[in-house]
Each structure stands twice: as structure tokens, then as C-alpha cells.
Amino acid sequence: MVKGSAIDMGQEMKAPIVCLTASEPIELYKILKFVNRVNSGGEAKYVISEGKVIVNGKVETRKRKKIFSGDVVEFGEEIIRVQVK
């Protein structure tokens, strides 16, 4: 776990957002766009490169990181669970 992540800190969290995708893998920056947590692909790539996104408990800085069903993405106080339709 990443120190300071919502999961690690034991904070009361909102219900996770479920991101349903028709196919996998999906690139990380596209998930942030798809669930409307950023306004553009450029903004998504920026927050990822700044280390503000956590994937499966680890800080992820690769914008095009391949995400699969079952992966958990954290951004801010939001938790996003990825699932294939």
C-alpha cells in the first residue's frame, strides 16, 4: 500500500466507482476521462505523471499503463474498480 492512500489510511471512503469497459486492456489515462474525473486527456496525463494516481496500491506514473478487469485505481478520494462488461 502507498502511504497516504485512502485505503492505507483507513479513511471512511465513498463507494467505489465501477468503470465498465467493453474490452481490455484499457490505458490508465482513458479511465480517468471515462469516469469524468478530469476534463481532458491532457489533464489525465498530467495528474498521472505527477504521481497523483495509484493503481493496485502503488503510485503509477505511466500514462498508458494497461489496466485490466479487477484493477483498482485511486485518484484523490475516489476509488475506481475496473470491470469488463
C-alpha atoms as a PDB file:
ATOM      1  CA  MET A   1       0.000   0.000   0.000  1.00  0.00           C
ATOM      2  CA  VAL A   2       1.076   3.541  -0.645  1.00  0.00           C
ATOM      3  CA  LYS A   3       1.427   5.585   2.498  1.00  0.00           C
ATOM      4  CA  GLY A   4      -1.209   8.291   2.346  1.00  0.00           C
ATOM      5  CA  SER A   5      -3.628   6.484   0.053  1.00  0.00           C
ATOM      6  CA  ALA A   6      -7.260   6.366   1.129  1.00  0.00           C
ATOM      7  CA  ILE A   7      -7.068   2.601   1.562  1.00  0.00           C
ATOM      8  CA  ASP A   8      -3.825   2.719   3.584  1.00  0.00           C
ATOM      9  CA  MET A   9      -5.055   5.475   5.909  1.00  0.00           C
ATOM     10  CA  GLY A  10      -8.207   3.553   6.805  1.00  0.00           C
ATOM     11  CA  GLN A  11     -10.327   6.575   5.960  1.00  0.00           C
ATOM     12  CA  GLU A  12     -14.041   6.234   5.542  1.00  0.00           C
ATOM     13  CA  MET A  13     -14.338   6.056   1.792  1.00  0.00           C
ATOM     14  CA  LYS A  14     -17.120   6.671  -0.671  1.00  0.00           C
ATOM     15  CA  ALA A  15     -18.492   3.672  -2.503  1.00  0.00           C
ATOM     16  CA  PRO A  16     -16.126   2.786  -5.343  1.00  0.00           C
ATOM     17  CA  ILE A  17     -16.939   3.878  -8.858  1.00  0.00           C
ATOM     18  CA  VAL A  18     -17.283   0.900 -11.178  1.00  0.00           C
ATOM     19  CA  CYS A  19     -15.786   1.510 -14.620  1.00  0.00           C
ATOM     20  CA  LEU A  20     -17.292  -0.954 -17.096  1.00  0.00           C
ATOM     21  CA  THR A  21     -15.236  -1.450 -20.226  1.00  0.00           C
ATOM     22  CA  ALA A  22     -16.170  -3.436 -23.304  1.00  0.00           C
ATOM     23  CA  SER A  23     -12.636  -4.693 -23.802  1.00  0.00           C
ATOM     24  CA  GLU A  24      -9.334  -4.865 -22.029  1.00  0.00           C
ATOM     25  CA  PRO A  25      -6.739  -3.692 -21.530  1.00  0.00           C
ATOM     26  CA  ILE A  26      -7.601  -0.003 -21.316  1.00  0.00           C
ATOM     27  CA  GLU A  27      -4.974   2.706 -20.858  1.00  0.00           C
ATOM     28  CA  LEU A  28      -4.906   4.397 -17.458  1.00  0.00           C
ATOM     29  CA  TYR A  29      -5.453   7.947 -18.682  1.00  0.00           C
ATOM     30  CA  LYS A  30      -8.593   6.855 -20.562  1.00  0.00           C
ATOM     31  CA  ILE A  31     -10.159   5.561 -17.348  1.00  0.00           C
ATOM     32  CA  LEU A  32      -9.848   8.953 -15.666  1.00  0.00           C
ATOM     33  CA  LYS A  33     -11.507  10.546 -18.697  1.00  0.00           C
ATOM     34  CA  PHE A  34     -14.210   7.877 -18.939  1.00  0.00           C
ATOM     35  CA  VAL A  35     -15.368   8.336 -15.331  1.00  0.00           C
ATOM     36  CA  ASN A  36     -15.233  12.151 -15.655  1.00  0.00           C
ATOM     37  CA  ARG A  37     -12.543  12.772 -13.029  1.00  0.00           C
ATOM     38  CA  VAL A  38     -10.578  15.002 -15.415  1.00  0.00           C
ATOM     39  CA  ASN A  39     -11.639  17.362 -18.191  1.00  0.00           C
ATOM     40  CA  SER A  40      -9.287  16.139 -20.905  1.00  0.00           C
ATOM     41  CA  GLY A  41      -6.741  13.528 -21.859  1.00  0.00           C
ATOM     42  CA  GLY A  42      -4.008  16.095 -21.332  1.00  0.00           C
ATOM     43  CA  GLU A  43      -5.153  16.725 -17.774  1.00  0.00           C
ATOM     44  CA  ALA A  44      -5.314  12.966 -17.133  1.00  0.00           C
ATOM     45  CA  LYS A  45      -1.768  12.510 -18.405  1.00  0.00           C
ATOM     46  CA  TYR A  46      -0.558  15.410 -16.249  1.00  0.00           C
ATOM     47  CA  VAL A  47      -2.009  14.112 -12.956  1.00  0.00           C
ATOM     48  CA  ILE A  48      -0.643  10.639 -13.694  1.00  0.00           C
ATOM     49  CA  SER A  49       2.845  11.970 -14.471  1.00  0.00           C
ATOM     50  CA  GLU A  50       2.756  13.963 -11.206  1.00  0.00           C
ATOM     51  CA  GLY A  51       2.232  10.754  -9.211  1.00  0.00           C
ATOM     52  CA  LYS A  52      -1.335  11.564  -8.144  1.00  0.00           C
ATOM     53  CA  VAL A  53      -2.801   8.247  -9.297  1.00  0.00           C
ATOM     54  CA  ILE A  54      -2.477   4.911  -7.504  1.00  0.00           C
ATOM     55  CA  VAL A  55      -3.047   1.562  -9.219  1.00  0.00           C
ATOM     56  CA  ASN A  56      -3.440  -1.531  -7.054  1.00  0.00           C
ATOM     57  CA  GLY A  57      -1.825   0.215  -4.082  1.00  0.00           C
ATOM     58  CA  LYS A  58       1.212   1.640  -5.920  1.00  0.00           C
ATOM     59  CA  VAL A  59       1.847   5.091  -7.360  1.00  0.00           C
ATOM     60  CA  GLU A  60       1.663   4.873 -11.149  1.00  0.00           C
ATOM     61  CA  THR A  61       3.317   7.435 -13.436  1.00  0.00           C
ATOM     62  CA  ARG A  62       2.921   5.612 -16.763  1.00  0.00           C
ATOM     63  CA  LYS A  63       0.093   7.332 -18.625  1.00  0.00           C
ATOM     64  CA  ARG A  64      -0.523   4.399 -20.929  1.00  0.00           C
ATOM     65  CA  LYS A  65      -0.289   1.730 -18.228  1.00  0.00           C
ATOM     66  CA  LYS A  66      -2.526  -1.142 -19.285  1.00  0.00           C
ATOM     67  CA  ILE A  67      -5.399  -1.652 -16.856  1.00  0.00           C
ATOM     68  CA  PHE A  68      -7.322  -4.938 -16.666  1.00  0.00           C
ATOM     69  CA  SER A  69     -10.574  -6.095 -15.106  1.00  0.00           C
ATOM     70  CA  GLY A  70     -10.152  -6.291 -11.337  1.00  0.00           C
ATOM     71  CA  ASP A  71      -7.600  -3.482 -11.107  1.00  0.00           C
ATOM     72  CA  VAL A  72      -8.260  -0.701  -8.603  1.00  0.00           C
ATOM     73  CA  VAL A  73      -7.388   2.905  -9.448  1.00  0.00           C
ATOM     74  CA  GLU A  74      -7.297   5.655  -6.819  1.00  0.00           C
ATOM     75  CA  PHE A  75      -7.380   9.342  -7.695  1.00  0.00           C
ATOM     76  CA  GLY A  76      -7.919  11.897  -4.960  1.00  0.00           C
ATOM     77  CA  GLU A  77     -10.559  10.457  -2.667  1.00  0.00           C
ATOM     78  CA  GLU A  78     -12.114   8.365  -5.432  1.00  0.00           C
ATOM     79  CA  ILE A  79     -11.659   4.633  -5.883  1.00  0.00           C
ATOM     80  CA  ILE A  80     -12.377   3.202  -9.318  1.00  0.00           C
ATOM     81  CA  ARG A  81     -12.813  -0.540  -9.864  1.00  0.00           C
ATOM     82  CA  VAL A  82     -12.415  -1.681 -13.451  1.00  0.00           C
ATOM     83  CA  GLN A  83     -14.633  -4.466 -14.790  1.00  0.00           C
ATOM     84  CA  VAL A  84     -15.308  -5.897 -18.247  1.00  0.00           C
ATOM     85  CA  LYS A  85     -18.982  -5.790 -19.267  1.00  0.00           C
END
